Amino acid sequence: MMVPPQWFILSELAECCPRMAGVAAYAASPERSLQRDHPIKPYPVALGEEERERLLKQGGTVPTDSKQAAFALAMPGDEMHPVYPGGSGRRHRITVVGQLGRLASFELQRDGPFELPLREATQGWYTLAKL
């Protein structure tokens, strides 16, 4: 099983850089500036009830099944990210659906390009760990 941040990085590489020889050039490209300048730092965000139900149904699950989870991890540039938020309505997140402690499915929701630099909304990421 792979955790969402690693899944995100490998998915992006598979999509944007199909050959190993191109990894260095891709890492230095302007498209990667968001990840270079703003570390991944995913942040869990609550889904609206409609979106949660849609994701559970899409995964073939009855929305009332208490063993199934559906949530999102906001990445820098997502409107809900507490440290590096994007503009209103911007999506840059991984949705996670599955049984807790077991296999889950991930989906990347991204509507870039993002305006840079992102503003830092919270002074000091580590203060969030205390919440």
N, C-alpha and C. Protein backbone atom coordinates (compact mmCIF):
# COMPACT_ATOMS: atom_id res chain seq x y z
N MET A 1 0.85 -1.18 0.00
CA MET A 1 0.00 0.00 0.00
C MET A 1 0.89 1.24 0.00
N MET A 2 0.50 2.22 -0.75
CA MET A 2 1.26 3.46 -0.86
C MET A 2 0.46 4.59 -0.20
N VAL A 3 1.16 5.47 0.49
CA VAL A 3 0.48 6.60 1.13
C VAL A 3 0.32 7.74 0.11
N PRO A 4 -0.67 8.62 0.31
CA PRO A 4 -1.00 9.63 -0.70
C PRO A 4 0.15 10.52 -1.19
N PRO A 5 1.04 11.06 -0.34
CA PRO A 5 2.09 11.93 -0.90
C PRO A 5 3.00 11.21 -1.89
N GLN A 6 3.37 9.97 -1.58
CA GLN A 6 4.22 9.22 -2.50
C GLN A 6 3.46 8.86 -3.77
N TRP A 7 2.18 8.53 -3.62
CA TRP A 7 1.33 8.25 -4.79
C TRP A 7 1.27 9.49 -5.68
N PHE A 8 1.13 10.66 -5.07
CA PHE A 8 1.07 11.92 -5.82
C PHE A 8 2.33 12.14 -6.64
N ILE A 9 3.49 11.96 -6.02
CA ILE A 9 4.76 12.19 -6.72
C ILE A 9 4.92 11.21 -7.87
N LEU A 10 4.65 9.93 -7.63
CA LEU A 10 4.80 8.92 -8.69
C LEU A 10 3.78 9.13 -9.81
N SER A 11 2.56 9.52 -9.47
CA SER A 11 1.55 9.79 -10.49
C SER A 11 1.97 10.96 -11.38
N GLU A 12 2.50 11.99 -10.75
CA GLU A 12 2.95 13.15 -11.52
C GLU A 12 4.11 12.78 -12.44
N LEU A 13 5.06 12.01 -11.94
CA LEU A 13 6.18 11.57 -12.78
C LEU A 13 5.70 10.71 -13.94
N ALA A 14 4.79 9.79 -13.68
CA ALA A 14 4.28 8.91 -14.74
C ALA A 14 3.56 9.72 -15.82
N GLU A 15 2.84 10.74 -15.40
CA GLU A 15 2.08 11.57 -16.34
C GLU A 15 2.97 12.52 -17.14
N CYS A 16 3.92 13.13 -16.47
CA CYS A 16 4.69 14.21 -17.09
C CYS A 16 6.09 13.84 -17.54
N CYS A 17 6.58 12.71 -17.12
CA CYS A 17 7.96 12.36 -17.42
C CYS A 17 8.07 10.85 -17.63
N PRO A 18 7.63 10.35 -18.77
CA PRO A 18 7.59 8.90 -18.98
C PRO A 18 8.96 8.23 -19.10
N ARG A 19 10.02 8.97 -19.33
CA ARG A 19 11.36 8.39 -19.47
C ARG A 19 12.29 8.92 -18.38
N MET A 20 13.09 8.02 -17.81
CA MET A 20 14.01 8.40 -16.73
C MET A 20 14.96 9.51 -17.17
N ALA A 21 15.36 9.51 -18.43
CA ALA A 21 16.31 10.51 -18.92
C ALA A 21 15.77 11.93 -18.79
N GLY A 22 14.46 12.10 -18.70
CA GLY A 22 13.88 13.43 -18.64
C GLY A 22 13.57 13.93 -17.24
N VAL A 23 13.87 13.13 -16.21
CA VAL A 23 13.50 13.51 -14.84
C VAL A 23 14.19 14.80 -14.40
N ALA A 24 15.48 14.94 -14.64
CA ALA A 24 16.21 16.14 -14.20
C ALA A 24 15.65 17.40 -14.86
N ALA A 25 15.38 17.34 -16.16
CA ALA A 25 14.83 18.51 -16.87
C ALA A 25 13.43 18.82 -16.36
N TYR A 26 12.64 17.81 -16.10
CA TYR A 26 11.29 18.03 -15.60
C TYR A 26 11.34 18.66 -14.20
N ALA A 27 12.23 18.17 -13.34
CA ALA A 27 12.35 18.70 -11.98
C ALA A 27 12.73 20.18 -11.98
N ALA A 28 13.49 20.61 -12.99
CA ALA A 28 13.92 22.01 -13.09
C ALA A 28 12.93 22.89 -13.86
N SER A 29 11.88 22.30 -14.43
CA SER A 29 10.96 23.04 -15.30
C SER A 29 10.06 23.99 -14.51
N PRO A 30 9.52 25.01 -15.18
CA PRO A 30 8.61 25.95 -14.51
C PRO A 30 7.35 25.27 -13.97
N GLU A 31 6.91 24.17 -14.59
CA GLU A 31 5.71 23.47 -14.12
C GLU A 31 5.90 22.91 -12.71
N ARG A 32 7.13 22.66 -12.32
CA ARG A 32 7.42 22.10 -10.99
C ARG A 32 7.68 23.18 -9.94
N SER A 33 7.57 24.44 -10.29
CA SER A 33 7.91 25.50 -9.33
C SER A 33 7.04 25.44 -8.08
N LEU A 34 5.78 25.04 -8.21
CA LEU A 34 4.92 24.96 -7.04
C LEU A 34 5.49 23.99 -6.01
N GLN A 35 5.91 22.80 -6.47
CA GLN A 35 6.45 21.81 -5.54
C GLN A 35 7.86 22.17 -5.08
N ARG A 36 8.64 22.84 -5.91
CA ARG A 36 9.99 23.24 -5.49
C ARG A 36 9.94 24.33 -4.43
N ASP A 37 9.08 25.30 -4.65
CA ASP A 37 9.03 26.47 -3.76
C ASP A 37 8.14 26.27 -2.53
N HIS A 38 7.18 25.37 -2.62
CA HIS A 38 6.22 25.13 -1.54
C HIS A 38 6.14 23.64 -1.29
N PRO A 39 6.79 23.13 -0.25
CA PRO A 39 6.81 21.69 0.00
C PRO A 39 5.40 21.09 0.00
N ILE A 40 5.32 19.81 -0.28
CA ILE A 40 4.02 19.14 -0.45
C ILE A 40 3.11 19.38 0.75
N LYS A 41 3.52 19.05 1.93
CA LYS A 41 2.76 19.33 3.15
C LYS A 41 1.25 19.17 2.99
N PRO A 42 0.77 17.94 2.75
CA PRO A 42 -0.68 17.77 2.62
C PRO A 42 -1.39 18.07 3.94
N TYR A 43 -2.61 18.53 3.83
CA TYR A 43 -3.40 18.89 5.01
C TYR A 43 -4.79 18.30 4.84
N PRO A 44 -5.28 17.50 5.82
CA PRO A 44 -6.61 16.91 5.67
C PRO A 44 -7.70 17.97 5.71
N VAL A 45 -8.65 17.85 4.80
CA VAL A 45 -9.80 18.76 4.77
C VAL A 45 -11.08 17.94 4.71
N ALA A 46 -12.10 18.46 5.32
CA ALA A 46 -13.40 17.79 5.30
C ALA A 46 -14.06 17.99 3.94
N LEU A 47 -14.75 16.95 3.50
CA LEU A 47 -15.50 17.04 2.26
C LEU A 47 -16.94 17.42 2.59
N GLY A 48 -17.58 18.12 1.68
CA GLY A 48 -19.00 18.37 1.83
C GLY A 48 -19.75 17.04 1.72
N GLU A 49 -20.91 16.96 2.30
CA GLU A 49 -21.67 15.70 2.31
C GLU A 49 -21.95 15.19 0.89
N GLU A 50 -22.28 16.10 -0.03
CA GLU A 50 -22.55 15.70 -1.43
C GLU A 50 -21.33 15.07 -2.07
N GLU A 51 -20.17 15.71 -1.90
CA GLU A 51 -18.94 15.19 -2.50
C GLU A 51 -18.54 13.86 -1.86
N ARG A 52 -18.69 13.75 -0.55
CA ARG A 52 -18.38 12.51 0.14
C ARG A 52 -19.25 11.37 -0.39
N GLU A 53 -20.54 11.60 -0.50
CA GLU A 53 -21.46 10.57 -1.02
C GLU A 53 -21.11 10.20 -2.45
N ARG A 54 -20.77 11.19 -3.28
CA ARG A 54 -20.42 10.91 -4.67
C ARG A 54 -19.18 10.02 -4.75
N LEU A 55 -18.16 10.34 -3.94
CA LEU A 55 -16.94 9.54 -3.96
C LEU A 55 -17.19 8.12 -3.48
N LEU A 56 -18.00 7.96 -2.44
CA LEU A 56 -18.29 6.62 -1.93
C LEU A 56 -19.08 5.81 -2.96
N LYS A 57 -20.06 6.44 -3.60
CA LYS A 57 -20.84 5.73 -4.63
C LYS A 57 -19.95 5.37 -5.82
N GLN A 58 -19.08 6.29 -6.20
CA GLN A 58 -18.15 6.05 -7.31
C GLN A 58 -17.27 4.84 -7.01
N GLY A 59 -16.93 4.65 -5.74
CA GLY A 59 -16.12 3.52 -5.31
C GLY A 59 -16.94 2.26 -5.07
N GLY A 60 -18.25 2.32 -5.33
CA GLY A 60 -19.10 1.15 -5.16
C GLY A 60 -19.50 0.88 -3.72
N THR A 61 -19.53 1.91 -2.91
CA THR A 61 -19.83 1.77 -1.49
C THR A 61 -21.12 2.49 -1.15
N VAL A 62 -21.87 1.92 -0.21
CA VAL A 62 -23.05 2.59 0.31
C VAL A 62 -22.58 3.70 1.24
N PRO A 63 -23.01 4.96 1.02
CA PRO A 63 -22.51 6.08 1.81
C PRO A 63 -22.71 5.96 3.32
N THR A 64 -23.64 5.10 3.78
CA THR A 64 -23.87 4.98 5.22
C THR A 64 -22.96 3.93 5.87
N ASP A 65 -22.12 3.25 5.10
CA ASP A 65 -21.20 2.24 5.63
C ASP A 65 -20.15 2.93 6.49
N SER A 66 -20.19 2.70 7.80
CA SER A 66 -19.29 3.40 8.72
C SER A 66 -17.85 2.94 8.60
N LYS A 67 -17.58 1.81 7.94
CA LYS A 67 -16.21 1.33 7.79
C LYS A 67 -15.49 2.01 6.63
N GLN A 68 -16.22 2.71 5.80
CA GLN A 68 -15.62 3.36 4.65
C GLN A 68 -15.34 4.82 4.96
N ALA A 69 -14.22 5.29 4.48
CA ALA A 69 -13.82 6.68 4.69
C ALA A 69 -13.70 7.38 3.35
N ALA A 70 -13.99 8.65 3.34
CA ALA A 70 -13.78 9.50 2.16
C ALA A 70 -13.36 10.87 2.69
N PHE A 71 -12.16 11.28 2.31
CA PHE A 71 -11.67 12.58 2.74
C PHE A 71 -10.69 13.09 1.70
N ALA A 72 -10.19 14.29 1.91
CA ALA A 72 -9.25 14.88 0.96
C ALA A 72 -8.02 15.38 1.70
N LEU A 73 -6.91 15.39 0.99
CA LEU A 73 -5.67 15.97 1.48
C LEU A 73 -5.34 17.15 0.57
N ALA A 74 -5.45 18.35 1.11
CA ALA A 74 -5.17 19.56 0.34
C ALA A 74 -3.66 19.73 0.20
N MET A 75 -3.23 20.05 -1.01
CA MET A 75 -1.84 20.30 -1.31
C MET A 75 -1.66 21.82 -1.47
N PRO A 76 -0.43 22.34 -1.41
CA PRO A 76 -0.24 23.77 -1.64
C PRO A 76 -0.89 24.20 -2.96
N GLY A 77 -1.63 25.29 -2.90
CA GLY A 77 -2.36 25.78 -4.07
C GLY A 77 -3.84 25.48 -4.01
N ASP A 78 -4.27 24.60 -3.10
CA ASP A 78 -5.69 24.32 -2.91
C ASP A 78 -6.27 25.42 -2.02
N GLU A 79 -7.50 25.83 -2.30
CA GLU A 79 -8.10 26.92 -1.51
C GLU A 79 -8.20 26.58 -0.03
N MET A 80 -8.22 25.30 0.33
CA MET A 80 -8.37 24.89 1.73
C MET A 80 -7.04 24.64 2.44
N HIS A 81 -5.92 24.76 1.73
CA HIS A 81 -4.64 24.50 2.40
C HIS A 81 -4.37 25.64 3.38
N PRO A 82 -4.10 25.32 4.66
CA PRO A 82 -3.98 26.37 5.67
C PRO A 82 -2.69 27.18 5.61
N VAL A 83 -1.64 26.65 5.00
CA VAL A 83 -0.37 27.35 4.98
C VAL A 83 -0.12 28.03 3.64
N TYR A 84 -0.33 27.32 2.54
CA TYR A 84 -0.11 27.85 1.19
C TYR A 84 -1.41 27.76 0.39
N PRO A 85 -2.41 28.59 0.73
CA PRO A 85 -3.69 28.49 0.03
C PRO A 85 -3.63 29.10 -1.37
N GLY A 86 -4.41 28.50 -2.27
CA GLY A 86 -4.60 29.07 -3.59
C GLY A 86 -5.79 30.01 -3.56
N GLY A 87 -6.17 30.50 -4.71
CA GLY A 87 -7.31 31.39 -4.81
C GLY A 87 -8.62 30.68 -4.52
N SER A 88 -9.68 31.44 -4.39
CA SER A 88 -11.00 30.90 -4.11
C SER A 88 -11.42 29.91 -5.20
N GLY A 89 -11.83 28.73 -4.78
CA GLY A 89 -12.30 27.71 -5.71
C GLY A 89 -11.20 26.85 -6.32
N ARG A 90 -9.93 27.13 -6.02
CA ARG A 90 -8.83 26.37 -6.61
C ARG A 90 -8.73 24.99 -5.97
N ARG A 91 -8.52 23.97 -6.79
CA ARG A 91 -8.37 22.59 -6.32
C ARG A 91 -6.99 22.08 -6.62
N HIS A 92 -6.34 21.54 -5.60
CA HIS A 92 -5.07 20.83 -5.74
C HIS A 92 -5.03 19.88 -4.56
N ARG A 93 -5.72 18.73 -4.73
CA ARG A 93 -5.90 17.82 -3.61
C ARG A 93 -5.96 16.38 -4.08
N ILE A 94 -5.75 15.50 -3.13
CA ILE A 94 -5.91 14.07 -3.35
C ILE A 94 -7.14 13.65 -2.57
N THR A 95 -8.10 13.03 -3.25
CA THR A 95 -9.23 12.46 -2.52
C THR A 95 -8.89 11.01 -2.23
N VAL A 96 -9.25 10.57 -1.03
CA VAL A 96 -8.96 9.21 -0.57
C VAL A 96 -10.28 8.55 -0.21
N VAL A 97 -10.51 7.35 -0.78
CA VAL A 97 -11.73 6.60 -0.51
C VAL A 97 -11.33 5.16 -0.21
N GLY A 98 -11.86 4.61 0.86
CA GLY A 98 -11.59 3.20 1.16
C GLY A 98 -11.84 2.87 2.60
N GLN A 99 -11.60 1.61 2.92
CA GLN A 99 -11.78 1.15 4.29
C GLN A 99 -10.55 1.52 5.10
N LEU A 100 -10.76 2.11 6.25
CA LEU A 100 -9.65 2.55 7.09
C LEU A 100 -8.78 1.37 7.46
N GLY A 101 -7.46 1.54 7.33
CA GLY A 101 -6.52 0.49 7.65
C GLY A 101 -6.35 -0.54 6.56
N ARG A 102 -7.01 -0.35 5.45
CA ARG A 102 -6.92 -1.29 4.32
C ARG A 102 -6.61 -0.50 3.05
N LEU A 103 -6.76 -1.17 1.92
CA LEU A 103 -6.49 -0.50 0.64
C LEU A 103 -7.47 0.64 0.40
N ALA A 104 -6.97 1.68 -0.21
CA ALA A 104 -7.78 2.84 -0.53
C ALA A 104 -7.49 3.25 -1.96
N SER A 105 -8.41 3.99 -2.55
CA SER A 105 -8.16 4.52 -3.89
C SER A 105 -7.95 6.03 -3.78
N PHE A 106 -7.09 6.54 -4.64
CA PHE A 106 -6.74 7.95 -4.63
C PHE A 106 -7.12 8.56 -5.97
N GLU A 107 -7.46 9.84 -5.93
CA GLU A 107 -7.73 10.59 -7.16
C GLU A 107 -7.14 11.98 -6.98
N LEU A 108 -6.43 12.45 -7.99
CA LEU A 108 -5.86 13.79 -7.94
C LEU A 108 -6.85 14.76 -8.57
N GLN A 109 -7.16 15.82 -7.85
CA GLN A 109 -7.99 16.90 -8.38
C GLN A 109 -7.11 18.13 -8.45
N ARG A 110 -6.90 18.61 -9.68
CA ARG A 110 -6.00 19.76 -9.87
C ARG A 110 -6.56 20.63 -10.98
N ASP A 111 -6.61 21.92 -10.75
CA ASP A 111 -7.08 22.83 -11.79
C ASP A 111 -6.12 24.00 -11.96
N GLY A 112 -4.82 23.66 -12.10
CA GLY A 112 -3.79 24.67 -12.29
C GLY A 112 -3.87 25.28 -13.66
N PRO A 113 -2.98 26.15 -14.07
CA PRO A 113 -1.78 26.54 -13.32
C PRO A 113 -2.13 27.46 -12.15
N PHE A 114 -1.25 27.49 -11.19
CA PHE A 114 -1.48 28.27 -9.99
C PHE A 114 -0.70 29.57 -10.06
N GLU A 115 -1.29 30.59 -9.48
CA GLU A 115 -0.61 31.89 -9.42
C GLU A 115 0.47 31.79 -8.35
N LEU A 116 1.67 32.14 -8.71
CA LEU A 116 2.77 32.11 -7.75
C LEU A 116 3.28 33.53 -7.54
N PRO A 117 3.81 33.90 -6.40
CA PRO A 117 3.95 33.02 -5.25
C PRO A 117 2.64 32.89 -4.49
N LEU A 118 2.44 31.73 -3.88
CA LEU A 118 1.28 31.55 -3.01
C LEU A 118 1.53 32.34 -1.74
N ARG A 119 0.48 32.83 -1.15
CA ARG A 119 0.67 33.56 0.10
C ARG A 119 0.73 32.54 1.25
N GLU A 120 1.56 32.80 2.21
CA GLU A 120 1.63 31.92 3.38
C GLU A 120 0.62 32.43 4.39
N ALA A 121 -0.38 31.61 4.67
CA ALA A 121 -1.47 32.02 5.55
C ALA A 121 -1.15 31.82 7.02
N THR A 122 -0.29 30.88 7.33
CA THR A 122 0.04 30.58 8.72
C THR A 122 1.54 30.76 8.90
N GLN A 123 1.93 31.51 9.87
CA GLN A 123 3.35 31.68 10.16
C GLN A 123 3.84 30.45 10.90
N GLY A 124 4.63 29.63 10.23
CA GLY A 124 5.19 28.46 10.89
C GLY A 124 4.30 27.25 10.78
N TRP A 125 4.64 26.35 9.88
CA TRP A 125 3.86 25.13 9.66
C TRP A 125 3.75 24.31 10.94
N TYR A 126 4.77 24.29 11.76
CA TYR A 126 4.79 23.40 12.91
C TYR A 126 3.73 23.78 13.95
N THR A 127 3.23 24.99 13.93
CA THR A 127 2.16 25.34 14.88
C THR A 127 0.91 24.53 14.60
N LEU A 128 0.71 24.09 13.37
CA LEU A 128 -0.47 23.27 13.05
C LEU A 128 -0.39 21.91 13.73
N ALA A 129 0.79 21.39 13.96
CA ALA A 129 0.94 20.08 14.59
C ALA A 129 0.40 20.09 16.02
N LYS A 130 0.34 21.25 16.64
CA LYS A 130 -0.13 21.36 18.02
C LYS A 130 -1.66 21.38 18.10
N LEU A 131 -2.34 21.57 16.98
CA LEU A 131 -3.81 21.67 17.01
C LEU A 131 -4.46 20.34 17.28
